[in-house]
PDB file of all heavy atoms in Angstrom:
ATOM      1  N   GLY A   1      15.434  22.853  22.451  1.00  0.00           N
ATOM      2  CA  GLY A   1      16.879  23.067  22.667  1.00  0.00           C
ATOM      3  C   GLY A   1      17.636  22.704  21.400  1.00  0.00           C
ATOM      4  O   GLY A   1      18.830  23.173  21.254  1.00  0.00           O
ATOM      5  N   MET A   2      17.092  21.971  20.502  1.00  0.00           N
ATOM      6  CA  MET A   2      17.746  21.668  19.228  1.00  0.00           C
ATOM      7  C   MET A   2      18.114  22.899  18.485  1.00  0.00           C
ATOM      8  O   MET A   2      19.166  22.989  17.844  1.00  0.00           O
ATOM      9  CB  MET A   2      16.805  20.816  18.325  1.00  0.00           C
ATOM     10  CG  MET A   2      16.580  19.362  18.773  1.00  0.00           C
ATOM     11  SD  MET A   2      17.861  18.284  18.172  1.00  0.00           S
ATOM     12  CE  MET A   2      17.243  16.719  18.636  1.00  0.00           C
ATOM     13  N   HIS A   3      17.226  24.010  18.541  1.00  0.00           N
ATOM     14  CA  HIS A   3      17.524  25.144  17.817  1.00  0.00           C
ATOM     15  C   HIS A   3      18.878  25.804  18.120  1.00  0.00           C
ATOM     16  O   HIS A   3      19.534  26.354  17.265  1.00  0.00           O
ATOM     17  CB  HIS A   3      16.397  26.162  18.030  1.00  0.00           C
ATOM     18  CG  HIS A   3      15.107  25.812  17.410  1.00  0.00           C
ATOM     19  ND1 HIS A   3      14.839  25.749  16.120  1.00  0.00           N
ATOM     20  CD2 HIS A   3      13.913  25.463  18.047  1.00  0.00           C
ATOM     21  CE1 HIS A   3      13.599  25.402  15.887  1.00  0.00           C
ATOM     22  NE2 HIS A   3      13.046  25.268  17.057  1.00  0.00           N
ATOM     23  N   ALA A   4      19.291  25.715  19.349  1.00  0.00           N
ATOM     24  CA  ALA A   4      20.478  26.371  19.822  1.00  0.00           C
ATOM     25  C   ALA A   4      21.734  25.770  19.331  1.00  0.00           C
ATOM     26  O   ALA A   4      22.804  26.444  19.157  1.00  0.00           O
ATOM     27  CB  ALA A   4      20.599  26.443  21.360  1.00  0.00           C
ATOM     28  N   ILE A   5      21.668  24.498  18.807  1.00  0.00           N
ATOM     29  CA  ILE A   5      22.864  23.823  18.244  1.00  0.00           C
ATOM     30  C   ILE A   5      22.553  23.273  16.835  1.00  0.00           C
ATOM     31  O   ILE A   5      23.080  22.336  16.351  1.00  0.00           O
ATOM     32  CB  ILE A   5      23.384  22.702  19.193  1.00  0.00           C
ATOM     33  CG1 ILE A   5      22.239  21.698  19.493  1.00  0.00           C
ATOM     34  CG2 ILE A   5      23.908  23.245  20.444  1.00  0.00           C
ATOM     35  CD1 ILE A   5      22.794  20.429  20.264  1.00  0.00           C
ATOM     36  N   ARG A   6      21.654  23.989  16.239  1.00  0.00           N
ATOM     37  CA  ARG A   6      21.262  23.705  14.754  1.00  0.00           C
ATOM     38  C   ARG A   6      20.913  22.168  14.674  1.00  0.00           C
ATOM     39  O   ARG A   6      21.216  21.467  13.712  1.00  0.00           O
ATOM     40  CB  ARG A   6      22.353  24.062  13.850  1.00  0.00           C
ATOM     41  CG  ARG A   6      22.722  25.559  13.898  1.00  0.00           C
ATOM     42  CD  ARG A   6      23.851  25.908  12.899  1.00  0.00           C
ATOM     43  NE  ARG A   6      24.297  27.192  13.083  1.00  0.00           N
ATOM     44  CZ  ARG A   6      23.741  28.301  12.484  1.00  0.00           C
ATOM     45  NH1 ARG A   6      22.704  28.114  11.715  1.00  0.00           N
ATOM     46  NH2 ARG A   6      24.197  29.535  12.729  1.00  0.00           N
ATOM     47  N   HIS A   7      20.174  21.659  15.684  1.00  0.00           N
ATOM     48  CA  HIS A   7      19.544  20.280  15.584  1.00  0.00           C
ATOM     49  C   HIS A   7      20.651  19.195  15.527  1.00  0.00           C
ATOM     50  O   HIS A   7      20.463  18.227  14.901  1.00  0.00           O
ATOM     51  CB  HIS A   7      18.556  20.221  14.452  1.00  0.00           C
ATOM     52  CG  HIS A   7      17.730  21.369  14.258  1.00  0.00           C
ATOM     53  ND1 HIS A   7      16.672  21.733  15.050  1.00  0.00           N
ATOM     54  CD2 HIS A   7      17.811  22.373  13.311  1.00  0.00           C
ATOM     55  CE1 HIS A   7      16.145  22.837  14.664  1.00  0.00           C
ATOM     56  NE2 HIS A   7      16.826  23.296  13.636  1.00  0.00           N
ATOM     57  N   GLN A   8      21.720  19.464  16.229  1.00  0.00           N
ATOM     58  CA  GLN A   8      22.947  18.498  16.029  1.00  0.00           C
ATOM     59  C   GLN A   8      23.218  17.680  17.308  1.00  0.00           C
ATOM     60  O   GLN A   8      24.331  17.209  17.438  1.00  0.00           O
ATOM     61  CB  GLN A   8      24.189  19.369  15.694  1.00  0.00           C
ATOM     62  CG  GLN A   8      24.093  20.085  14.329  1.00  0.00           C
ATOM     63  CD  GLN A   8      23.798  19.179  13.173  1.00  0.00           C
ATOM     64  OE1 GLN A   8      24.575  18.208  12.923  1.00  0.00           O
ATOM     65  NE2 GLN A   8      22.702  19.372  12.468  1.00  0.00           N
ATOM     66  N   TYR A   9      22.289  17.459  18.225  1.00  0.00           N
ATOM     67  CA  TYR A   9      22.507  16.437  19.217  1.00  0.00           C
ATOM     68  C   TYR A   9      22.834  15.093  18.586  1.00  0.00           C
ATOM     69  O   TYR A   9      22.153  14.635  17.672  1.00  0.00           O
ATOM     70  CB  TYR A   9      21.190  16.271  20.064  1.00  0.00           C
ATOM     71  CG  TYR A   9      20.883  17.314  21.081  1.00  0.00           C
ATOM     72  CD1 TYR A   9      19.676  18.017  21.042  1.00  0.00           C
ATOM     73  CD2 TYR A   9      21.702  17.552  22.156  1.00  0.00           C
ATOM     74  CE1 TYR A   9      19.351  18.907  21.988  1.00  0.00           C
ATOM     75  CE2 TYR A   9      21.367  18.577  23.113  1.00  0.00           C
ATOM     76  CZ  TYR A   9      20.239  19.186  23.050  1.00  0.00           C
ATOM     77  OH  TYR A   9      19.929  20.101  24.008  1.00  0.00           O
ATOM     78  N   SER A  10      23.811  14.438  19.204  1.00  0.00           N
ATOM     79  CA  SER A  10      24.093  13.063  18.829  1.00  0.00           C
ATOM     80  C   SER A  10      23.090  12.079  19.479  1.00  0.00           C
ATOM     81  O   SER A  10      22.402  12.515  20.531  1.00  0.00           O
ATOM     82  CB  SER A  10      25.480  12.682  19.245  1.00  0.00           C
ATOM     83  OG  SER A  10      25.623  12.539  20.590  1.00  0.00           O
ATOM     84  N   LYS A  11      22.935  10.881  18.955  1.00  0.00           N
ATOM     85  CA  LYS A  11      22.087   9.915  19.677  1.00  0.00           C
ATOM     86  C   LYS A  11      22.501   9.652  21.084  1.00  0.00           C
ATOM     87  O   LYS A  11      21.657   9.487  21.952  1.00  0.00           O
ATOM     88  CB  LYS A  11      22.070   8.648  18.785  1.00  0.00           C
ATOM     89  CG  LYS A  11      21.376   8.777  17.419  1.00  0.00           C
ATOM     90  CD  LYS A  11      21.276   7.434  16.741  1.00  0.00           C
ATOM     91  CE  LYS A  11      22.573   6.985  16.170  1.00  0.00           C
ATOM     92  NZ  LYS A  11      22.560   5.855  15.333  1.00  0.00           N
ATOM     93  N   LYS A  12      23.841   9.636  21.269  1.00  0.00           N
ATOM     94  CA  LYS A  12      24.392   9.351  22.575  1.00  0.00           C
ATOM     95  C   LYS A  12      24.036  10.432  23.565  1.00  0.00           C
ATOM     96  O   LYS A  12      23.615  10.139  24.704  1.00  0.00           O
ATOM     97  CB  LYS A  12      25.870   9.177  22.517  1.00  0.00           C
ATOM     98  CG  LYS A  12      26.534   8.816  23.851  1.00  0.00           C
ATOM     99  CD  LYS A  12      28.059   8.730  23.738  1.00  0.00           C
ATOM    100  CE  LYS A  12      28.692   8.448  25.130  1.00  0.00           C
ATOM    101  NZ  LYS A  12      30.164   8.361  25.020  1.00  0.00           N
ATOM    102  N   GLN A  13      24.129  11.691  23.171  1.00  0.00           N
ATOM    103  CA  GLN A  13      23.784  12.812  23.965  1.00  0.00           C
ATOM    104  C   GLN A  13      22.259  12.821  24.321  1.00  0.00           C
ATOM    105  O   GLN A  13      21.893  13.032  25.443  1.00  0.00           O
ATOM    106  CB  GLN A  13      24.121  14.164  23.234  1.00  0.00           C
ATOM    107  CG  GLN A  13      25.595  14.406  23.228  1.00  0.00           C
ATOM    108  CD  GLN A  13      25.905  15.589  22.261  1.00  0.00           C
ATOM    109  OE1 GLN A  13      25.209  15.863  21.272  1.00  0.00           O
ATOM    110  NE2 GLN A  13      27.032  16.297  22.574  1.00  0.00           N
ATOM    111  N   ILE A  14      21.457  12.517  23.337  1.00  0.00           N
ATOM    112  CA  ILE A  14      20.002  12.488  23.619  1.00  0.00           C
ATOM    113  C   ILE A  14      19.665  11.442  24.612  1.00  0.00           C
ATOM    114  O   ILE A  14      18.982  11.665  25.670  1.00  0.00           O
ATOM    115  CB  ILE A  14      19.211  12.149  22.280  1.00  0.00           C
ATOM    116  CG1 ILE A  14      19.246  13.340  21.329  1.00  0.00           C
ATOM    117  CG2 ILE A  14      17.783  11.767  22.607  1.00  0.00           C
ATOM    118  CD1 ILE A  14      18.342  14.484  21.727  1.00  0.00           C
ATOM    119  N   LYS A  15      20.260  10.268  24.497  1.00  0.00           N
ATOM    120  CA  LYS A  15      20.002   9.152  25.489  1.00  0.00           C
ATOM    121  C   LYS A  15      20.459   9.498  26.822  1.00  0.00           C
ATOM    122  O   LYS A  15      19.769   9.304  27.807  1.00  0.00           O
ATOM    123  CB  LYS A  15      20.632   7.858  24.889  1.00  0.00           C
ATOM    124  CG  LYS A  15      20.179   6.729  25.695  1.00  0.00           C
ATOM    125  CD  LYS A  15      20.617   5.355  25.019  1.00  0.00           C
ATOM    126  CE  LYS A  15      20.074   4.148  25.651  1.00  0.00           C
ATOM    127  NZ  LYS A  15      20.521   2.876  25.008  1.00  0.00           N
ATOM    128  N   GLU A  16      21.740   9.961  26.960  1.00  0.00           N
ATOM    129  CA  GLU A  16      22.295  10.266  28.264  1.00  0.00           C
ATOM    130  C   GLU A  16      21.521  11.375  28.919  1.00  0.00           C
ATOM    131  O   GLU A  16      21.212  11.294  30.150  1.00  0.00           O
ATOM    132  CB  GLU A  16      23.720  10.654  28.089  1.00  0.00           C
ATOM    133  CG  GLU A  16      24.631   9.504  27.736  1.00  0.00           C
ATOM    134  CD  GLU A  16      26.134   9.871  27.567  1.00  0.00           C
ATOM    135  OE1 GLU A  16      26.396  11.102  27.494  1.00  0.00           O
ATOM    136  OE2 GLU A  16      27.006   9.002  27.452  1.00  0.00           O
ATOM    137  N   LEU A  17      21.140  12.464  28.209  1.00  0.00           N
ATOM    138  CA  LEU A  17      20.457  13.583  28.732  1.00  0.00           C
ATOM    139  C   LEU A  17      19.005  13.188  29.206  1.00  0.00           C
ATOM    140  O   LEU A  17      18.457  13.518  30.221  1.00  0.00           O
ATOM    141  CB  LEU A  17      20.355  14.769  27.836  1.00  0.00           C
ATOM    142  CG  LEU A  17      21.717  15.478  27.672  1.00  0.00           C
ATOM    143  CD1 LEU A  17      21.717  16.410  26.433  1.00  0.00           C
ATOM    144  CD2 LEU A  17      22.030  16.263  28.932  1.00  0.00           C
ATOM    145  N   ALA A  18      18.376  12.282  28.353  1.00  0.00           N
ATOM    146  CA  ALA A  18      17.010  11.856  28.652  1.00  0.00           C
ATOM    147  C   ALA A  18      17.040  11.034  29.984  1.00  0.00           C
ATOM    148  O   ALA A  18      16.197  11.239  30.884  1.00  0.00           O
ATOM    149  CB  ALA A  18      16.426  10.983  27.581  1.00  0.00           C
ATOM    150  N   ILE A  19      17.996  10.139  30.153  1.00  0.00           N
ATOM    151  CA  ILE A  19      18.104   9.321  31.376  1.00  0.00           C
ATOM    152  C   ILE A  19      18.322  10.237  32.527  1.00  0.00           C
ATOM    153  O   ILE A  19      17.805  10.073  33.569  1.00  0.00           O
ATOM    154  CB  ILE A  19      19.223   8.240  31.187  1.00  0.00           C
ATOM    155  CG1 ILE A  19      18.818   7.227  30.230  1.00  0.00           C
ATOM    156  CG2 ILE A  19      19.591   7.642  32.502  1.00  0.00           C
ATOM    157  CD1 ILE A  19      19.973   6.265  29.791  1.00  0.00           C
ATOM    158  N   ALA A  20      19.216  11.253  32.409  1.00  0.00           N
ATOM    159  CA  ALA A  20      19.516  12.207  33.509  1.00  0.00           C
ATOM    160  C   ALA A  20      18.374  12.993  33.912  1.00  0.00           C
ATOM    161  O   ALA A  20      18.110  13.262  35.019  1.00  0.00           O
ATOM    162  CB  ALA A  20      20.711  13.062  33.103  1.00  0.00           C
ATOM    163  N   LEU A  21      17.599  13.457  32.877  1.00  0.00           N
ATOM    164  CA  LEU A  21      16.398  14.264  33.173  1.00  0.00           C
ATOM    165  C   LEU A  21      15.332  13.393  33.894  1.00  0.00           C
ATOM    166  O   LEU A  21      14.632  13.820  34.851  1.00  0.00           O
ATOM    167  CB  LEU A  21      15.843  14.828  31.863  1.00  0.00           C
ATOM    168  CG  LEU A  21      16.498  16.077  31.280  1.00  0.00           C
ATOM    169  CD1 LEU A  21      16.175  16.246  29.849  1.00  0.00           C
ATOM    170  CD2 LEU A  21      16.235  17.312  32.110  1.00  0.00           C
ATOM    171  N   ASP A  22      15.238  12.114  33.505  1.00  0.00           N
ATOM    172  CA  ASP A  22      14.317  11.126  34.147  1.00  0.00           C
ATOM    173  C   ASP A  22      14.701  11.016  35.594  1.00  0.00           C
ATOM    174  O   ASP A  22      13.836  11.049  36.440  1.00  0.00           O
ATOM    175  CB  ASP A  22      14.372   9.912  33.388  1.00  0.00           C
ATOM    176  CG  ASP A  22      13.346   8.870  33.934  1.00  0.00           C
ATOM    177  OD1 ASP A  22      12.072   9.223  33.908  1.00  0.00           O
ATOM    178  OD2 ASP A  22      13.750   7.809  34.434  1.00  0.00           O
ATOM    179  N   LYS A  23      15.973  10.840  35.879  1.00  0.00           N
ATOM    180  CA  LYS A  23      16.379  10.755  37.206  1.00  0.00           C
ATOM    181  C   LYS A  23      16.184  12.067  38.062  1.00  0.00           C
ATOM    182  O   LYS A  23      16.014  11.990  39.265  1.00  0.00           O
ATOM    183  CB  LYS A  23      17.965  10.330  37.267  1.00  0.00           C
ATOM    184  CG  LYS A  23      18.195   8.918  36.739  1.00  0.00           C
ATOM    185  CD  LYS A  23      19.641   8.645  36.820  1.00  0.00           C
ATOM    186  CE  LYS A  23      19.974   7.140  36.308  1.00  0.00           C
ATOM    187  NZ  LYS A  23      21.467   6.853  36.324  1.00  0.00           N
ATOM    188  N   SER A  24      16.130  13.145  37.344  1.00  0.00           N
ATOM    189  CA  SER A  24      15.916  14.412  38.018  1.00  0.00           C
ATOM    190  C   SER A  24      14.416  14.597  38.253  1.00  0.00           C
ATOM    191  O   SER A  24      13.961  15.664  38.754  1.00  0.00           O
ATOM    192  CB  SER A  24      16.493  15.547  37.172  1.00  0.00           C
ATOM    193  OG  SER A  24      17.809  15.411  36.970  1.00  0.00           O
ATOM    194  N   LYS A  25      13.594  13.729  37.758  1.00  0.00           N
ATOM    195  CA  LYS A  25      12.127  13.601  38.028  1.00  0.00           C
ATOM    196  C   LYS A  25      11.420  14.781  37.308  1.00  0.00           C
ATOM    197  O   LYS A  25      10.400  15.362  37.954  1.00  0.00           O
ATOM    198  CB  LYS A  25      11.884  13.658  39.545  1.00  0.00           C
ATOM    199  CG  LYS A  25      12.323  12.352  40.220  1.00  0.00           C
ATOM    200  CD  LYS A  25      11.476  11.196  39.773  1.00  0.00           C
ATOM    201  CE  LYS A  25      11.676   9.936  40.744  1.00  0.00           C
ATOM    202  NZ  LYS A  25      13.050   9.438  40.697  1.00  0.00           N
ATOM    203  N   VAL A  26      11.724  15.209  36.135  1.00  0.00           N
ATOM    204  CA  VAL A  26      10.809  16.025  35.326  1.00  0.00           C
ATOM    205  C   VAL A  26       9.712  15.057  34.968  1.00  0.00           C
ATOM    206  O   VAL A  26       9.889  13.831  34.882  1.00  0.00           O
ATOM    207  CB  VAL A  26      11.520  16.635  34.108  1.00  0.00           C
ATOM    208  CG1 VAL A  26      12.547  17.609  34.547  1.00  0.00           C
ATOM    209  CG2 VAL A  26      12.033  15.631  33.145  1.00  0.00           C
ATOM    210  N   ASP A  27       8.542  15.645  34.617  1.00  0.00           N
ATOM    211  CA  ASP A  27       7.377  14.761  34.342  1.00  0.00           C
ATOM    212  C   ASP A  27       7.212  14.346  32.960  1.00  0.00           C
ATOM    213  O   ASP A  27       6.589  13.328  32.651  1.00  0.00           O
ATOM    214  CB  ASP A  27       6.097  15.494  34.824  1.00  0.00           C
ATOM    215  CG  ASP A  27       6.106  15.892  36.321  1.00  0.00           C
ATOM    216  OD1 ASP A  27       6.193  14.862  37.059  1.00  0.00           O
ATOM    217  OD2 ASP A  27       6.078  17.058  36.702  1.00  0.00           O
ATOM    218  N   ALA A  28       7.786  15.151  31.986  1.00  0.00           N
ATOM    219  CA  ALA A  28       7.742  14.775  30.620  1.00  0.00           C
ATOM    220  C   ALA A  28       9.062  15.291  29.898  1.00  0.00           C
ATOM    221  O   ALA A  28       9.611  16.302  30.251  1.00  0.00           O
ATOM    222  CB  ALA A  28       6.537  15.359  29.921  1.00  0.00           C
ATOM    223  N   ILE A  29       9.474  14.511  28.890  1.00  0.00           N
ATOM    224  CA  ILE A  29      10.694  14.785  28.203  1.00  0.00           C
ATOM    225  C   ILE A  29      10.301  14.849  26.691  1.00  0.00           C
ATOM    226  O   ILE A  29       9.866  13.810  26.125  1.00  0.00           O
ATOM    227  CB  ILE A  29      11.850  13.805  28.426  1.00  0.00           C
ATOM    228  CG1 ILE A  29      12.245  13.824  29.904  1.00  0.00           C
ATOM    229  CG2 ILE A  29      12.974  14.147  27.502  1.00  0.00           C
ATOM    230  CD1 ILE A  29      13.172  12.684  30.340  1.00  0.00           C
ATOM    231  N   GLU A  30      10.417  15.971  26.059  1.00  0.00           N
ATOM    232  CA  GLU A  30      10.065  16.103  24.650  1.00  0.00           C
ATOM    233  C   GLU A  30      11.273  15.936  23.720  1.00  0.00           C
ATOM    234  O   GLU A  30      12.337  16.665  23.951  1.00  0.00           O
ATOM    235  CB  GLU A  30       9.422  17.484  24.419  1.00  0.00           C
ATOM    236  CG  GLU A  30       8.808  17.681  23.065  1.00  0.00           C
ATOM    237  CD  GLU A  30       7.995  18.965  22.968  1.00  0.00           C
ATOM    238  OE1 GLU A  30       8.587  20.018  23.007  1.00  0.00           O
ATOM    239  OE2 GLU A  30       6.758  18.876  22.910  1.00  0.00           O
ATOM    240  N   ILE A  31      11.112  15.034  22.763  1.00  0.00           N
ATOM    241  CA  ILE A  31      12.277  14.818  21.851  1.00  0.00           C
ATOM    242  C   ILE A  31      11.821  14.825  20.414  1.00  0.00           C
ATOM    243  O   ILE A  31      10.826  14.141  20.051  1.00  0.00           O
ATOM    244  CB  ILE A  31      12.881  13.411  22.177  1.00  0.00           C
ATOM    245  CG1 ILE A  31      13.471  13.396  23.585  1.00  0.00           C
ATOM    246  CG2 ILE A  31      13.987  13.099  21.102  1.00  0.00           C
ATOM    247  CD1 ILE A  31      14.037  12.036  23.939  1.00  0.00           C
ATOM    248  N   SER A  32      12.423  15.628  19.610  1.00  0.00           N
ATOM    249  CA  SER A  32      12.197  15.663  18.195  1.00  0.00           C
ATOM    250  C   SER A  32      13.191  16.723  17.616  1.00  0.00           C
ATOM    251  O   SER A  32      13.803  17.457  18.357  1.00  0.00           O
ATOM    252  CB  SER A  32      10.795  15.988  17.737  1.00  0.00           C
ATOM    253  OG  SER A  32      10.509  17.370  17.901  1.00  0.00           O
ATOM    254  N   HIS A  33      13.199  16.851  16.243  1.00  0.00           N
ATOM    255  CA  HIS A  33      13.796  18.029  15.632  1.00  0.00           C
ATOM    256  C   HIS A  33      13.136  19.252  16.230  1.00  0.00           C
ATOM    257  O   HIS A  33      12.012  19.196  16.724  1.00  0.00           O
ATOM    258  CB  HIS A  33      13.466  17.946  14.129  1.00  0.00           C
ATOM    259  CG  HIS A  33      14.173  19.024  13.311  1.00  0.00           C
ATOM    260  ND1 HIS A  33      13.560  20.358  13.198  1.00  0.00           N
ATOM    261  CD2 HIS A  33      15.241  19.111  12.543  1.00  0.00           C
ATOM    262  CE1 HIS A  33      14.340  21.099  12.410  1.00  0.00           C
ATOM    263  NE2 HIS A  33      15.337  20.336  12.000  1.00  0.00           N
ATOM    264  N   GLY A  34      13.845  20.348  16.296  1.00  0.00           N
ATOM    265  CA  GLY A  34      13.377  21.555  16.870  1.00  0.00           C
ATOM    266  C   GLY A  34      12.035  22.063  16.319  1.00  0.00           C
ATOM    267  O   GLY A  34      11.144  22.604  16.963  1.00  0.00           O
ATOM    268  N   ASP A  35      11.751  21.710  15.002  1.00  0.00           N
ATOM    269  CA  ASP A  35      10.468  22.101  14.381  1.00  0.00           C
ATOM    270  C   ASP A  35       9.563  20.900  14.291  1.00  0.00           C
ATOM    271  O   ASP A  35       8.669  20.876  13.491  1.00  0.00           O
ATOM    272  CB  ASP A  35      10.718  22.596  12.987  1.00  0.00           C
ATOM    273  CG  ASP A  35      11.554  23.946  13.004  1.00  0.00           C
ATOM    274  OD1 ASP A  35      10.914  24.927  13.345  1.00  0.00           O
ATOM    275  OD2 ASP A  35      12.774  23.945  12.796  1.00  0.00           O
TER     276      ASP A  35
END
């Protein structure tokens, strides 16, 4: 998803979205630069 916004997620956005995805019970959350 980084590619769609030119890798410009803020640290706050990453943390909040990771927590929300975890609560939504996906099994794995991948985080890094798009490449």
